[in-house]
Amino acid sequence: MSDNHEQPTAPTSDAELDLRGVICPYNFVKTKLKLETMREGQVLSVLLDDGDPIRNVPRSVENEGHTVLAQERIDQTYRVLIRREDSD
């Protein structure tokens, strides 16, 4: 059995936000607001630019208690999968 593709581990997302070109801290604020509209356990896919966005947004959502499931680089962009956790 060949082990060439490690895609099956990435869950599908329930919603997607394209925040390319959005500067900090607005990209985190938009991510946080979107997560607040989602149910616990749902997955949000966020597209972020390289640099400050990919450094700051995943760390900030983890500080809010959510789980970063995956980060995947696509050209100059990153796709981050975030699972909404219960905020109570």
PDB file of N, CA and C in Angstrom:
ATOM      1  N   MET A   1       0.847  -1.192   0.000  1.00  0.00           N
ATOM      2  CA  MET A   1       0.000   0.000   0.000  1.00  0.00           C
ATOM      3  C   MET A   1       0.880   1.239   0.000  1.00  0.00           C
ATOM      4  N   SER A   2       0.678   2.098  -0.938  1.00  0.00           N
ATOM      5  CA  SER A   2       1.509   3.298  -1.091  1.00  0.00           C
ATOM      6  C   SER A   2       1.055   4.399  -0.147  1.00  0.00           C
ATOM      7  N   ASP A   3       2.024   5.151   0.371  1.00  0.00           N
ATOM      8  CA  ASP A   3       1.761   6.166   1.389  1.00  0.00           C
ATOM      9  C   ASP A   3       1.988   7.573   0.841  1.00  0.00           C
ATOM     10  N   ASN A   4       1.833   7.738  -0.464  1.00  0.00           N
ATOM     11  CA  ASN A   4       2.206   8.999  -1.108  1.00  0.00           C
ATOM     12  C   ASN A   4       1.305  10.173  -0.771  1.00  0.00           C
ATOM     13  N   HIS A   5       0.053   9.910  -0.492  1.00  0.00           N
ATOM     14  CA  HIS A   5      -0.873  11.015  -0.257  1.00  0.00           C
ATOM     15  C   HIS A   5      -1.368  10.981   1.183  1.00  0.00           C
ATOM     16  N   GLU A   6      -1.218  12.117   1.856  1.00  0.00           N
ATOM     17  CA  GLU A   6      -1.639  12.207   3.251  1.00  0.00           C
ATOM     18  C   GLU A   6      -2.852  13.133   3.367  1.00  0.00           C
ATOM     19  N   GLN A   7      -3.669  13.169   2.345  1.00  0.00           N
ATOM     20  CA  GLN A   7      -4.846  14.021   2.319  1.00  0.00           C
ATOM     21  C   GLN A   7      -5.977  13.561   3.231  1.00  0.00           C
ATOM     22  N   PRO A   8      -6.239  12.258   3.395  1.00  0.00           N
ATOM     23  CA  PRO A   8      -7.427  11.839   4.134  1.00  0.00           C
ATOM     24  C   PRO A   8      -7.498  12.375   5.561  1.00  0.00           C
ATOM     25  N   THR A   9      -6.385  12.824   6.122  1.00  0.00           N
ATOM     26  CA  THR A   9      -6.399  13.323   7.485  1.00  0.00           C
ATOM     27  C   THR A   9      -7.074  14.689   7.575  1.00  0.00           C
ATOM     28  N   ALA A  10      -7.092  15.454   6.504  1.00  0.00           N
ATOM     29  CA  ALA A  10      -7.672  16.796   6.528  1.00  0.00           C
ATOM     30  C   ALA A  10      -9.195  16.702   6.470  1.00  0.00           C
ATOM     31  N   PRO A  11      -9.874  17.221   7.501  1.00  0.00           N
ATOM     32  CA  PRO A  11     -11.337  17.171   7.484  1.00  0.00           C
ATOM     33  C   PRO A  11     -11.906  18.167   6.477  1.00  0.00           C
ATOM     34  N   THR A  12     -13.122  17.914   6.060  1.00  0.00           N
ATOM     35  CA  THR A  12     -13.770  18.883   5.186  1.00  0.00           C
ATOM     36  C   THR A  12     -14.238  20.053   6.044  1.00  0.00           C
ATOM     37  N   SER A  13     -14.357  21.202   5.434  1.00  0.00           N
ATOM     38  CA  SER A  13     -14.763  22.373   6.205  1.00  0.00           C
ATOM     39  C   SER A  13     -16.255  22.630   6.023  1.00  0.00           C
ATOM     40  N   ASP A  14     -16.848  23.224   7.064  1.00  0.00           N
ATOM     41  CA  ASP A  14     -18.267  23.585   7.030  1.00  0.00           C
ATOM     42  C   ASP A  14     -18.461  24.984   6.454  1.00  0.00           C
ATOM     43  N   ALA A  15     -17.399  25.810   6.507  1.00  0.00           N
ATOM     44  CA  ALA A  15     -17.477  27.181   5.996  1.00  0.00           C
ATOM     45  C   ALA A  15     -16.070  27.602   5.580  1.00  0.00           C
ATOM     46  N   GLU A  16     -16.001  28.614   4.714  1.00  0.00           N
ATOM     47  CA  GLU A  16     -14.697  29.099   4.267  1.00  0.00           C
ATOM     48  C   GLU A  16     -14.675  30.624   4.273  1.00  0.00           C
ATOM     49  N   LEU A  17     -13.534  31.167   4.688  1.00  0.00           N
ATOM     50  CA  LEU A  17     -13.302  32.613   4.650  1.00  0.00           C
ATOM     51  C   LEU A  17     -12.062  32.863   3.819  1.00  0.00           C
ATOM     52  N   ASP A  18     -12.154  33.743   2.844  1.00  0.00           N
ATOM     53  CA  ASP A  18     -10.983  34.136   2.060  1.00  0.00           C
ATOM     54  C   ASP A  18     -10.517  35.490   2.587  1.00  0.00           C
ATOM     55  N   LEU A  19      -9.433  35.478   3.367  1.00  0.00           N
ATOM     56  CA  LEU A  19      -8.934  36.710   3.974  1.00  0.00           C
ATOM     57  C   LEU A  19      -7.607  37.143   3.366  1.00  0.00           C
ATOM     58  N   ARG A  20      -7.373  36.734   2.130  1.00  0.00           N
ATOM     59  CA  ARG A  20      -6.168  37.203   1.444  1.00  0.00           C
ATOM     60  C   ARG A  20      -6.292  38.703   1.215  1.00  0.00           C
ATOM     61  N   GLY A  21      -5.220  39.426   1.554  1.00  0.00           N
ATOM     62  CA  GLY A  21      -5.234  40.868   1.386  1.00  0.00           C
ATOM     63  C   GLY A  21      -5.809  41.610   2.584  1.00  0.00           C
ATOM     64  N   VAL A  22      -6.302  40.872   3.588  1.00  0.00           N
ATOM     65  CA  VAL A  22      -6.841  41.496   4.797  1.00  0.00           C
ATOM     66  C   VAL A  22      -5.719  41.574   5.828  1.00  0.00           C
ATOM     67  N   ILE A  23      -5.509  42.767   6.387  1.00  0.00           N
ATOM     68  CA  ILE A  23      -4.381  42.947   7.300  1.00  0.00           C
ATOM     69  C   ILE A  23      -4.760  42.623   8.745  1.00  0.00           C
ATOM     70  N   CYS A  24      -3.743  42.359   9.565  1.00  0.00           N
ATOM     71  CA  CYS A  24      -3.929  42.157  11.005  1.00  0.00           C
ATOM     72  C   CYS A  24      -4.326  43.496  11.610  1.00  0.00           C
ATOM     73  N   PRO A  25      -5.195  43.544  12.593  1.00  0.00           N
ATOM     74  CA  PRO A  25      -5.863  42.400  13.232  1.00  0.00           C
ATOM     75  C   PRO A  25      -7.217  42.068  12.610  1.00  0.00           C
ATOM     76  N   TYR A  26      -7.550  42.698  11.480  1.00  0.00           N
ATOM     77  CA  TYR A  26      -8.886  42.487  10.894  1.00  0.00           C
ATOM     78  C   TYR A  26      -9.116  41.037  10.482  1.00  0.00           C
ATOM     79  N   ASN A  27      -8.049  40.362  10.013  1.00  0.00           N
ATOM     80  CA  ASN A  27      -8.234  38.973   9.601  1.00  0.00           C
ATOM     81  C   ASN A  27      -8.589  38.095  10.803  1.00  0.00           C
ATOM     82  N   PHE A  28      -7.991  38.367  11.979  1.00  0.00           N
ATOM     83  CA  PHE A  28      -8.360  37.603  13.171  1.00  0.00           C
ATOM     84  C   PHE A  28      -9.779  37.951  13.620  1.00  0.00           C
ATOM     85  N   VAL A  29     -10.127  39.234  13.593  1.00  0.00           N
ATOM     86  CA  VAL A  29     -11.469  39.660  14.015  1.00  0.00           C
ATOM     87  C   VAL A  29     -12.520  38.980  13.140  1.00  0.00           C
ATOM     88  N   LYS A  30     -12.315  38.971  11.825  1.00  0.00           N
ATOM     89  CA  LYS A  30     -13.269  38.334  10.915  1.00  0.00           C
ATOM     90  C   LYS A  30     -13.347  36.824  11.175  1.00  0.00           C
ATOM     91  N   THR A  31     -12.192  36.207  11.441  1.00  0.00           N
ATOM     92  CA  THR A  31     -12.169  34.767  11.749  1.00  0.00           C
ATOM     93  C   THR A  31     -12.940  34.493  13.030  1.00  0.00           C
ATOM     94  N   LYS A  32     -12.692  35.284  14.064  1.00  0.00           N
ATOM     95  CA  LYS A  32     -13.358  35.102  15.354  1.00  0.00           C
ATOM     96  C   LYS A  32     -14.872  35.278  15.219  1.00  0.00           C
ATOM     97  N   LEU A  33     -15.292  36.323  14.492  1.00  0.00           N
ATOM     98  CA  LEU A  33     -16.722  36.565  14.308  1.00  0.00           C
ATOM     99  C   LEU A  33     -17.389  35.415  13.559  1.00  0.00           C
ATOM    100  N   LYS A  34     -16.709  34.890  12.545  1.00  0.00           N
ATOM    101  CA  LYS A  34     -17.265  33.760  11.789  1.00  0.00           C
ATOM    102  C   LYS A  34     -17.383  32.529  12.680  1.00  0.00           C
ATOM    103  N   LEU A  35     -16.346  32.257  13.477  1.00  0.00           N
ATOM    104  CA  LEU A  35     -16.392  31.106  14.378  1.00  0.00           C
ATOM    105  C   LEU A  35     -17.558  31.227  15.359  1.00  0.00           C
ATOM    106  N   GLU A  36     -17.857  32.449  15.793  1.00  0.00           N
ATOM    107  CA  GLU A  36     -18.946  32.652  16.746  1.00  0.00           C
ATOM    108  C   GLU A  36     -20.313  32.312  16.152  1.00  0.00           C
ATOM    109  N   THR A  37     -20.418  32.328  14.817  1.00  0.00           N
ATOM    110  CA  THR A  37     -21.692  31.989  14.174  1.00  0.00           C
ATOM    111  C   THR A  37     -21.821  30.485  13.933  1.00  0.00           C
ATOM    112  N   MET A  38     -20.748  29.746  14.191  1.00  0.00           N
ATOM    113  CA  MET A  38     -20.736  28.311  13.897  1.00  0.00           C
ATOM    114  C   MET A  38     -21.014  27.499  15.154  1.00  0.00           C
ATOM    115  N   ARG A  39     -21.435  26.249  14.948  1.00  0.00           N
ATOM    116  CA  ARG A  39     -21.689  25.348  16.071  1.00  0.00           C
ATOM    117  C   ARG A  39     -20.397  24.657  16.499  1.00  0.00           C
ATOM    118  N   GLU A  40     -20.360  24.246  17.753  1.00  0.00           N
ATOM    119  CA  GLU A  40     -19.208  23.516  18.278  1.00  0.00           C
ATOM    120  C   GLU A  40     -18.921  22.296  17.400  1.00  0.00           C
ATOM    121  N   GLY A  41     -17.648  22.100  17.074  1.00  0.00           N
ATOM    122  CA  GLY A  41     -17.254  20.945  16.271  1.00  0.00           C
ATOM    123  C   GLY A  41     -17.211  21.220  14.777  1.00  0.00           C
ATOM    124  N   GLN A  42     -17.816  22.323  14.331  1.00  0.00           N
ATOM    125  CA  GLN A  42     -17.751  22.651  12.908  1.00  0.00           C
ATOM    126  C   GLN A  42     -16.354  23.156  12.571  1.00  0.00           C
ATOM    127  N   VAL A  43     -15.990  23.020  11.298  1.00  0.00           N
ATOM    128  CA  VAL A  43     -14.646  23.380  10.847  1.00  0.00           C
ATOM    129  C   VAL A  43     -14.711  24.554   9.876  1.00  0.00           C
ATOM    130  N   LEU A  44     -13.876  25.547  10.146  1.00  0.00           N
ATOM    131  CA  LEU A  44     -13.769  26.737   9.295  1.00  0.00           C
ATOM    132  C   LEU A  44     -12.447  26.684   8.548  1.00  0.00           C
ATOM    133  N   SER A  45     -12.500  26.860   7.250  1.00  0.00           N
ATOM    134  CA  SER A  45     -11.302  26.954   6.421  1.00  0.00           C
ATOM    135  C   SER A  45     -11.037  28.435   6.157  1.00  0.00           C
ATOM    136  N   VAL A  46      -9.830  28.888   6.499  1.00  0.00           N
ATOM    137  CA  VAL A  46      -9.478  30.297   6.333  1.00  0.00           C
ATOM    138  C   VAL A  46      -8.274  30.399   5.403  1.00  0.00           C
ATOM    139  N   LEU A  47      -8.367  31.260   4.400  1.00  0.00           N
ATOM    140  CA  LEU A  47      -7.238  31.527   3.511  1.00  0.00           C
ATOM    141  C   LEU A  47      -6.536  32.788   3.989  1.00  0.00           C
ATOM    142  N   LEU A  48      -5.237  32.670   4.272  1.00  0.00           N
ATOM    143  CA  LEU A  48      -4.454  33.769   4.827  1.00  0.00           C
ATOM    144  C   LEU A  48      -3.191  34.001   4.014  1.00  0.00           C
ATOM    145  N   ASP A  49      -2.717  35.231   4.038  1.00  0.00           N
ATOM    146  CA  ASP A  49      -1.451  35.567   3.393  1.00  0.00           C
ATOM    147  C   ASP A  49      -0.275  35.095   4.244  1.00  0.00           C
ATOM    148  N   ASP A  50       0.890  35.005   3.603  1.00  0.00           N
ATOM    149  CA  ASP A  50       2.136  34.709   4.285  1.00  0.00           C
ATOM    150  C   ASP A  50       2.499  35.896   5.180  1.00  0.00           C
ATOM    151  N   GLY A  51       3.398  35.671   6.133  1.00  0.00           N
ATOM    152  CA  GLY A  51       3.848  36.768   6.990  1.00  0.00           C
ATOM    153  C   GLY A  51       3.042  36.841   8.269  1.00  0.00           C
ATOM    154  N   ASP A  52       2.705  38.081   8.681  1.00  0.00           N
ATOM    155  CA  ASP A  52       1.984  38.277   9.938  1.00  0.00           C
ATOM    156  C   ASP A  52       0.676  37.488  10.023  1.00  0.00           C
ATOM    157  N   PRO A  53      -0.151  37.465   8.956  1.00  0.00           N
ATOM    158  CA  PRO A  53      -1.424  36.740   9.078  1.00  0.00           C
ATOM    159  C   PRO A  53      -1.247  35.276   9.482  1.00  0.00           C
ATOM    160  N   ILE A  54      -0.348  34.543   8.813  1.00  0.00           N
ATOM    161  CA  ILE A  54      -0.211  33.120   9.127  1.00  0.00           C
ATOM    162  C   ILE A  54       0.501  32.923  10.465  1.00  0.00           C
ATOM    163  N   ARG A  55       1.274  33.901  10.907  1.00  0.00           N
ATOM    164  CA  ARG A  55       1.902  33.797  12.230  1.00  0.00           C
ATOM    165  C   ARG A  55       0.905  34.110  13.343  1.00  0.00           C
ATOM    166  N   ASN A  56       0.052  35.114  13.128  1.00  0.00           N
ATOM    167  CA  ASN A  56      -0.787  35.622  14.213  1.00  0.00           C
ATOM    168  C   ASN A  56      -2.159  34.968  14.334  1.00  0.00           C
ATOM    169  N   VAL A  57      -2.831  34.727  13.220  1.00  0.00           N
ATOM    170  CA  VAL A  57      -4.219  34.252  13.295  1.00  0.00           C
ATOM    171  C   VAL A  57      -4.328  32.869  13.948  1.00  0.00           C
ATOM    172  N   PRO A  58      -3.530  31.865  13.528  1.00  0.00           N
ATOM    173  CA  PRO A  58      -3.665  30.557  14.189  1.00  0.00           C
ATOM    174  C   PRO A  58      -3.394  30.629  15.695  1.00  0.00           C
ATOM    175  N   ARG A  59      -2.389  31.381  16.080  1.00  0.00           N
ATOM    176  CA  ARG A  59      -2.069  31.510  17.507  1.00  0.00           C
ATOM    177  C   ARG A  59      -3.223  32.185  18.250  1.00  0.00           C
ATOM    178  N   SER A  60      -3.788  33.219  17.651  1.00  0.00           N
ATOM    179  CA  SER A  60      -4.880  33.954  18.291  1.00  0.00           C
ATOM    180  C   SER A  60      -6.130  33.095  18.454  1.00  0.00           C
ATOM    181  N   VAL A  61      -6.483  32.298  17.440  1.00  0.00           N
ATOM    182  CA  VAL A  61      -7.690  31.466  17.585  1.00  0.00           C
ATOM    183  C   VAL A  61      -7.458  30.365  18.620  1.00  0.00           C
ATOM    184  N   GLU A  62      -6.221  29.866  18.724  1.00  0.00           N
ATOM    185  CA  GLU A  62      -5.935  28.878  19.770  1.00  0.00           C
ATOM    186  C   GLU A  62      -6.044  29.529  21.145  1.00  0.00           C
ATOM    187  N   ASN A  63      -5.608  30.788  21.261  1.00  0.00           N
ATOM    188  CA  ASN A  63      -5.758  31.515  22.531  1.00  0.00           C
ATOM    189  C   ASN A  63      -7.224  31.685  22.902  1.00  0.00           C
ATOM    190  N   GLU A  64      -8.100  31.719  21.883  1.00  0.00           N
ATOM    191  CA  GLU A  64      -9.545  31.833  22.118  1.00  0.00           C
ATOM    192  C   GLU A  64     -10.165  30.479  22.476  1.00  0.00           C
ATOM    193  N   GLY A  65      -9.358  29.405  22.421  1.00  0.00           N
ATOM    194  CA  GLY A  65      -9.853  28.087  22.811  1.00  0.00           C
ATOM    195  C   GLY A  65     -10.258  27.178  21.674  1.00  0.00           C
ATOM    196  N   HIS A  66     -10.038  27.621  20.418  1.00  0.00           N
ATOM    197  CA  HIS A  66     -10.378  26.790  19.265  1.00  0.00           C
ATOM    198  C   HIS A  66      -9.167  25.935  18.885  1.00  0.00           C
ATOM    199  N   THR A  67      -9.372  24.959  18.007  1.00  0.00           N
ATOM    200  CA  THR A  67      -8.310  24.033  17.633  1.00  0.00           C
ATOM    201  C   THR A  67      -7.907  24.236  16.175  1.00  0.00           C
ATOM    202  N   VAL A  68      -6.620  24.462  15.937  1.00  0.00           N
ATOM    203  CA  VAL A  68      -6.103  24.522  14.572  1.00  0.00           C
ATOM    204  C   VAL A  68      -5.787  23.087  14.156  1.00  0.00           C
ATOM    205  N   LEU A  69      -6.543  22.594  13.177  1.00  0.00           N
ATOM    206  CA  LEU A  69      -6.405  21.204  12.744  1.00  0.00           C
ATOM    207  C   LEU A  69      -5.291  21.028  11.720  1.00  0.00           C
ATOM    208  N   ALA A  70      -5.110  22.020  10.866  1.00  0.00           N
ATOM    209  CA  ALA A  70      -4.125  21.883   9.792  1.00  0.00           C
ATOM    210  C   ALA A  70      -3.771  23.252   9.236  1.00  0.00           C
ATOM    211  N   GLN A  71      -2.544  23.339   8.722  1.00  0.00           N
ATOM    212  CA  GLN A  71      -2.112  24.521   7.967  1.00  0.00           C
ATOM    213  C   GLN A  71      -1.452  23.991   6.710  1.00  0.00           C
ATOM    214  N   GLU A  72      -1.896  24.487   5.581  1.00  0.00           N
ATOM    215  CA  GLU A  72      -1.409  23.988   4.297  1.00  0.00           C
ATOM    216  C   GLU A  72      -1.032  25.173   3.424  1.00  0.00           C
ATOM    217  N   ARG A  73       0.179  25.126   2.867  1.00  0.00           N
ATOM    218  CA  ARG A  73       0.629  26.218   2.016  1.00  0.00           C
ATOM    219  C   ARG A  73       0.189  25.970   0.581  1.00  0.00           C
ATOM    220  N   ILE A  74      -0.399  26.989  -0.028  1.00  0.00           N
ATOM    221  CA  ILE A  74      -0.809  26.921  -1.433  1.00  0.00           C
ATOM    222  C   ILE A  74      -0.250  28.172  -2.101  1.00  0.00           C
ATOM    223  N   ASP A  75       0.849  28.025  -2.832  1.00  0.00           N
ATOM    224  CA  ASP A  75       1.547  29.167  -3.425  1.00  0.00           C
ATOM    225  C   ASP A  75       1.924  30.179  -2.332  1.00  0.00           C
ATOM    226  N   GLN A  76       1.447  31.420  -2.436  1.00  0.00           N
ATOM    227  CA  GLN A  76       1.775  32.450  -1.437  1.00  0.00           C
ATOM    228  C   GLN A  76       0.695  32.565  -0.360  1.00  0.00           C
ATOM    229  N   THR A  77      -0.201  31.582  -0.328  1.00  0.00           N
ATOM    230  CA  THR A  77      -1.356  31.613   0.571  1.00  0.00           C
ATOM    231  C   THR A  77      -1.307  30.400   1.490  1.00  0.00           C
ATOM    232  N   TYR A  78      -1.951  30.508   2.628  1.00  0.00           N
ATOM    233  CA  TYR A  78      -2.099  29.375   3.540  1.00  0.00           C
ATOM    234  C   TYR A  78      -3.574  29.095   3.762  1.00  0.00           C
ATOM    235  N   ARG A  79      -3.902  27.808   3.802  1.00  0.00           N
ATOM    236  CA  ARG A  79      -5.249  27.395   4.205  1.00  0.00           C
ATOM    237  C   ARG A  79      -5.123  26.831   5.613  1.00  0.00           C
ATOM    238  N   VAL A  80      -5.892  27.401   6.527  1.00  0.00           N
ATOM    239  CA  VAL A  80      -5.873  26.965   7.915  1.00  0.00           C
ATOM    240  C   VAL A  80      -7.252  26.404   8.250  1.00  0.00           C
ATOM    241  N   LEU A  81      -7.268  25.189   8.792  1.00  0.00           N
ATOM    242  CA  LEU A  81      -8.530  24.570   9.202  1.00  0.00           C
ATOM    243  C   LEU A  81      -8.651  24.702  10.711  1.00  0.00           C
ATOM    244  N   ILE A  82      -9.744  25.317  11.160  1.00  0.00           N
ATOM    245  CA  ILE A  82      -9.961  25.599  12.565  1.00  0.00           C
ATOM    246  C   ILE A  82     -11.268  24.951  13.011  1.00  0.00           C
ATOM    247  N   ARG A  83     -11.183  24.165  14.085  1.00  0.00           N
ATOM    248  CA  ARG A  83     -12.411  23.556  14.629  1.00  0.00           C
ATOM    249  C   ARG A  83     -12.963  24.432  15.741  1.00  0.00           C
ATOM    250  N   ARG A  84     -14.233  24.750  15.626  1.00  0.00           N
ATOM    251  CA  ARG A  84     -14.905  25.583  16.625  1.00  0.00           C
ATOM    252  C   ARG A  84     -15.076  24.773  17.890  1.00  0.00           C
ATOM    253  N   GLU A  85     -14.592  25.292  18.990  1.00  0.00           N
ATOM    254  CA  GLU A  85     -14.764  24.639  20.285  1.00  0.00           C
ATOM    255  C   GLU A  85     -15.780  25.409  21.105  1.00  0.00           C
ATOM    256  N   ASP A  86     -16.333  24.759  22.084  1.00  0.00           N
ATOM    257  CA  ASP A  86     -17.315  25.404  22.952  1.00  0.00           C
ATOM    258  C   ASP A  86     -16.621  26.528  23.720  1.00  0.00           C
ATOM    259  N   SER A  87     -17.154  27.736  23.638  1.00  0.00           N
ATOM    260  CA  SER A  87     -16.483  28.883  24.233  1.00  0.00           C
ATOM    261  C   SER A  87     -16.897  29.143  25.676  1.00  0.00           C
ATOM    262  N   ASP A  88     -17.809  28.354  26.193  1.00  0.00           N
ATOM    263  CA  ASP A  88     -18.281  28.580  27.569  1.00  0.00           C
ATOM    264  C   ASP A  88     -17.271  28.066  28.591  1.00  0.00           C
TER     265      ASP A  88
END
